[in-house]
Every structure is written in C-alpha cells, then in structure tokens.
C-alpha cells in the first residue's frame, strides 16, 4: 500500500473521529450513532480493499477508542 493511500485512510479516520467528538460535545447520541456506523463501514471497506494486517489493526484500535468515547459520553455501548 502506498503512503498516499495510508494518508487518505488516516485522514478519513480522523475526519470521522472529529465528527464523533462534535456530536459528543453537542450531546447528540443519534448523530454520533450515524458516525459510528460510518466509521464501521469505512473500517470494513478499507480493510477488505487493502488487506494489510497492520492497517486492519490500527483501524480496529481506533474504532475501539471511538466506541469507548461513545460509552463514556452516553452511558451505553454502541451497537451496529
């Protein structure tokens, strides 16, 4: 995988994390759920397309952090 692809994937992950943080700050659980679904779909498609174990692990760790933030903000676990 080229560094350009890695940068684009990283940028998208950070964009979605920023959106989640915005919705958490606004106490908007429904909008936050939409971002979580978008991140899940992004993570799955990026992992399937690139088939890079390192990338999969990084995205999985980042997703776990976002799920933890969601739980801390709204008091329940996000479920797909």
N, C-alpha and C. Protein backbone atom coordinates (compact mmCIF):
# COMPACT_ATOMS: atom_id res chain seq x y z
N UNK A 1 0.85 -1.17 0.00
CA UNK A 1 0.00 0.00 0.00
C UNK A 1 0.90 1.23 0.00
N UNK A 2 0.57 2.19 -0.81
CA UNK A 2 1.39 3.39 -0.87
C UNK A 2 1.09 4.32 0.29
N UNK A 3 2.03 5.21 0.53
CA UNK A 3 1.84 6.16 1.63
C UNK A 3 0.70 7.12 1.35
N UNK A 4 0.40 7.36 0.06
CA UNK A 4 -0.74 8.22 -0.29
C UNK A 4 -2.03 7.58 0.19
N UNK A 5 -2.18 6.28 -0.06
CA UNK A 5 -3.38 5.57 0.42
C UNK A 5 -3.45 5.58 1.93
N UNK A 6 -2.32 5.35 2.59
CA UNK A 6 -2.29 5.36 4.05
C UNK A 6 -2.69 6.73 4.57
N UNK A 7 -2.21 7.79 3.93
CA UNK A 7 -2.55 9.15 4.35
C UNK A 7 -4.04 9.41 4.17
N UNK A 8 -4.60 8.98 3.05
CA UNK A 8 -6.03 9.19 2.79
C UNK A 8 -6.87 8.43 3.81
N UNK A 9 -6.47 7.22 4.13
CA UNK A 9 -7.20 6.43 5.13
C UNK A 9 -7.10 7.09 6.50
N UNK A 10 -5.91 7.54 6.85
CA UNK A 10 -5.72 8.24 8.12
C UNK A 10 -6.54 9.52 8.20
N UNK A 11 -6.57 10.26 7.09
CA UNK A 11 -7.35 11.50 7.05
C UNK A 11 -8.84 11.21 7.25
N UNK A 12 -9.34 10.17 6.59
CA UNK A 12 -10.76 9.82 6.73
C UNK A 12 -11.08 9.39 8.16
N UNK A 13 -10.19 8.60 8.75
CA UNK A 13 -10.39 8.16 10.13
C UNK A 13 -10.44 9.35 11.08
N UNK A 14 -9.54 10.29 10.89
CA UNK A 14 -9.51 11.47 11.75
C UNK A 14 -10.72 12.38 11.52
N UNK A 15 -11.16 12.47 10.28
CA UNK A 15 -12.36 13.25 9.98
C UNK A 15 -13.57 12.68 10.71
N UNK A 16 -13.73 11.37 10.64
CA UNK A 16 -14.85 10.73 11.33
C UNK A 16 -14.73 10.86 12.85
N UNK A 17 -13.53 10.75 13.37
CA UNK A 17 -13.33 10.93 14.81
C UNK A 17 -13.69 12.35 15.23
N UNK A 18 -13.34 13.32 14.41
CA UNK A 18 -13.70 14.71 14.69
C UNK A 18 -15.20 14.92 14.69
N UNK A 19 -15.88 14.28 13.73
CA UNK A 19 -17.34 14.36 13.69
C UNK A 19 -17.96 13.75 14.95
N UNK A 20 -17.41 12.62 15.37
CA UNK A 20 -17.92 11.99 16.59
C UNK A 20 -17.73 12.92 17.79
N UNK A 21 -16.55 13.50 17.90
CA UNK A 21 -16.28 14.42 19.02
C UNK A 21 -17.25 15.60 19.01
N UNK A 22 -17.57 16.11 17.82
CA UNK A 22 -18.52 17.23 17.71
C UNK A 22 -19.89 16.81 18.23
N UNK A 23 -20.35 15.64 17.85
CA UNK A 23 -21.67 15.18 18.28
C UNK A 23 -21.69 14.85 19.77
N UNK A 24 -20.58 14.35 20.28
CA UNK A 24 -20.49 14.12 21.72
C UNK A 24 -20.58 15.45 22.47
N UNK A 25 -19.86 16.45 21.98
CA UNK A 25 -19.89 17.77 22.62
C UNK A 25 -21.30 18.36 22.61
N UNK A 26 -22.07 18.06 21.56
CA UNK A 26 -23.45 18.54 21.46
C UNK A 26 -24.45 17.60 22.12
N UNK A 27 -23.95 16.53 22.74
CA UNK A 27 -24.79 15.53 23.40
C UNK A 27 -25.85 14.95 22.46
N UNK A 28 -25.44 14.72 21.22
CA UNK A 28 -26.35 14.22 20.18
C UNK A 28 -26.03 12.75 19.89
N UNK A 29 -26.66 11.86 20.64
CA UNK A 29 -26.39 10.43 20.52
C UNK A 29 -26.78 9.88 19.15
N UNK A 30 -27.88 10.35 18.60
CA UNK A 30 -28.33 9.83 17.30
C UNK A 30 -27.34 10.17 16.19
N UNK A 31 -26.85 11.39 16.17
CA UNK A 31 -25.84 11.77 15.17
C UNK A 31 -24.54 11.02 15.41
N UNK A 32 -24.20 10.81 16.67
CA UNK A 32 -22.98 10.05 17.00
C UNK A 32 -23.10 8.61 16.52
N UNK A 33 -24.29 8.03 16.63
CA UNK A 33 -24.51 6.66 16.14
C UNK A 33 -24.28 6.58 14.63
N UNK A 34 -24.72 7.60 13.91
CA UNK A 34 -24.52 7.61 12.46
C UNK A 34 -23.03 7.65 12.12
N UNK A 35 -22.27 8.42 12.88
CA UNK A 35 -20.83 8.49 12.65
C UNK A 35 -20.18 7.14 12.98
N UNK A 36 -20.63 6.51 14.04
CA UNK A 36 -20.08 5.20 14.39
C UNK A 36 -20.36 4.18 13.28
N UNK A 37 -21.55 4.22 12.72
CA UNK A 37 -21.86 3.31 11.60
C UNK A 37 -20.99 3.64 10.39
N UNK A 38 -20.80 4.91 10.13
CA UNK A 38 -19.95 5.32 9.00
C UNK A 38 -18.52 4.86 9.21
N UNK A 39 -18.01 4.98 10.45
CA UNK A 39 -16.64 4.53 10.73
C UNK A 39 -16.55 3.01 10.58
N UNK A 40 -17.54 2.30 11.08
CA UNK A 40 -17.54 0.84 10.94
C UNK A 40 -17.48 0.44 9.47
N UNK A 41 -18.32 1.06 8.65
CA UNK A 41 -18.35 0.74 7.22
C UNK A 41 -17.03 1.11 6.56
N UNK A 42 -16.49 2.27 6.91
CA UNK A 42 -15.20 2.71 6.37
C UNK A 42 -14.10 1.73 6.75
N UNK A 43 -14.07 1.33 8.01
CA UNK A 43 -13.05 0.40 8.51
C UNK A 43 -13.13 -0.92 7.76
N UNK A 44 -14.33 -1.44 7.59
CA UNK A 44 -14.50 -2.71 6.89
C UNK A 44 -14.08 -2.62 5.43
N UNK A 45 -14.50 -1.58 4.74
CA UNK A 45 -14.15 -1.47 3.32
C UNK A 45 -12.66 -1.22 3.13
N UNK A 46 -12.05 -0.41 3.97
CA UNK A 46 -10.61 -0.16 3.86
C UNK A 46 -9.84 -1.44 4.14
N UNK A 47 -10.27 -2.20 5.12
CA UNK A 47 -9.60 -3.45 5.47
C UNK A 47 -9.73 -4.48 4.36
N UNK A 48 -10.92 -4.58 3.77
CA UNK A 48 -11.14 -5.55 2.69
C UNK A 48 -10.37 -5.17 1.43
N UNK A 49 -10.32 -3.87 1.13
CA UNK A 49 -9.67 -3.42 -0.09
C UNK A 49 -8.16 -3.56 -0.01
N UNK A 50 -7.58 -3.16 1.11
CA UNK A 50 -6.11 -3.12 1.21
C UNK A 50 -5.50 -4.41 1.74
N UNK A 51 -6.25 -5.20 2.49
CA UNK A 51 -5.78 -6.48 3.01
C UNK A 51 -4.39 -6.37 3.66
N UNK A 52 -4.22 -5.35 4.47
CA UNK A 52 -2.96 -5.08 5.16
C UNK A 52 -3.22 -5.26 6.65
N UNK A 53 -2.59 -6.27 7.25
CA UNK A 53 -2.85 -6.59 8.65
C UNK A 53 -2.53 -5.41 9.57
N UNK A 54 -1.46 -4.69 9.29
CA UNK A 54 -1.11 -3.53 10.10
C UNK A 54 -2.21 -2.48 10.06
N UNK A 55 -2.73 -2.23 8.88
CA UNK A 55 -3.82 -1.26 8.71
C UNK A 55 -5.07 -1.73 9.46
N UNK A 56 -5.39 -2.99 9.31
CA UNK A 56 -6.56 -3.55 10.00
C UNK A 56 -6.44 -3.35 11.50
N UNK A 57 -5.27 -3.64 12.05
CA UNK A 57 -5.07 -3.50 13.49
C UNK A 57 -5.18 -2.05 13.95
N UNK A 58 -4.61 -1.14 13.19
CA UNK A 58 -4.69 0.28 13.55
C UNK A 58 -6.14 0.76 13.52
N UNK A 59 -6.86 0.41 12.47
CA UNK A 59 -8.27 0.82 12.38
C UNK A 59 -9.11 0.18 13.48
N UNK A 60 -8.80 -1.06 13.81
CA UNK A 60 -9.53 -1.75 14.89
C UNK A 60 -9.28 -1.07 16.23
N UNK A 61 -8.04 -0.69 16.49
CA UNK A 61 -7.70 0.01 17.74
C UNK A 61 -8.39 1.37 17.79
N UNK A 62 -8.38 2.09 16.67
CA UNK A 62 -9.01 3.40 16.62
C UNK A 62 -10.52 3.27 16.85
N UNK A 63 -11.12 2.25 16.25
CA UNK A 63 -12.56 2.03 16.43
C UNK A 63 -12.88 1.71 17.89
N UNK A 64 -12.03 0.94 18.54
CA UNK A 64 -12.22 0.63 19.96
C UNK A 64 -12.18 1.90 20.80
N UNK A 65 -11.29 2.82 20.46
CA UNK A 65 -11.21 4.10 21.17
C UNK A 65 -12.50 4.90 20.97
N UNK A 66 -12.99 4.93 19.73
CA UNK A 66 -14.23 5.66 19.45
C UNK A 66 -15.42 5.05 20.19
N UNK A 67 -15.48 3.72 20.24
CA UNK A 67 -16.56 3.07 20.99
C UNK A 67 -16.47 3.41 22.48
N UNK A 68 -15.28 3.50 23.00
CA UNK A 68 -15.09 3.87 24.40
C UNK A 68 -15.54 5.31 24.65
N UNK A 69 -15.21 6.20 23.73
CA UNK A 69 -15.65 7.60 23.84
C UNK A 69 -17.17 7.68 23.82
N UNK A 70 -17.78 6.90 22.94
CA UNK A 70 -19.24 6.88 22.85
C UNK A 70 -19.83 6.43 24.18
N UNK A 71 -19.30 5.35 24.73
CA UNK A 71 -19.79 4.83 26.01
C UNK A 71 -19.63 5.87 27.12
N UNK A 72 -18.47 6.49 27.19
CA UNK A 72 -18.22 7.50 28.23
C UNK A 72 -19.19 8.67 28.11
N UNK A 73 -19.53 9.04 26.88
CA UNK A 73 -20.40 10.20 26.67
C UNK A 73 -21.87 9.89 26.92
N UNK A 74 -22.32 8.72 26.50
CA UNK A 74 -23.76 8.45 26.52
C UNK A 74 -24.18 7.36 27.50
N UNK A 75 -23.22 6.67 28.10
CA UNK A 75 -23.54 5.71 29.15
C UNK A 75 -24.00 4.35 28.69
N UNK A 76 -23.90 4.08 27.41
CA UNK A 76 -24.23 2.74 26.91
C UNK A 76 -23.34 2.44 25.71
N UNK A 77 -23.19 1.15 25.44
CA UNK A 77 -22.33 0.72 24.35
C UNK A 77 -23.02 0.93 23.02
N UNK A 78 -22.23 1.37 22.05
CA UNK A 78 -22.75 1.49 20.69
C UNK A 78 -22.87 0.10 20.10
N UNK A 79 -23.98 -0.16 19.44
CA UNK A 79 -24.18 -1.43 18.74
C UNK A 79 -24.65 -1.13 17.33
N UNK A 80 -24.15 -1.91 16.41
CA UNK A 80 -24.50 -1.72 14.99
C UNK A 80 -25.95 -1.99 14.73
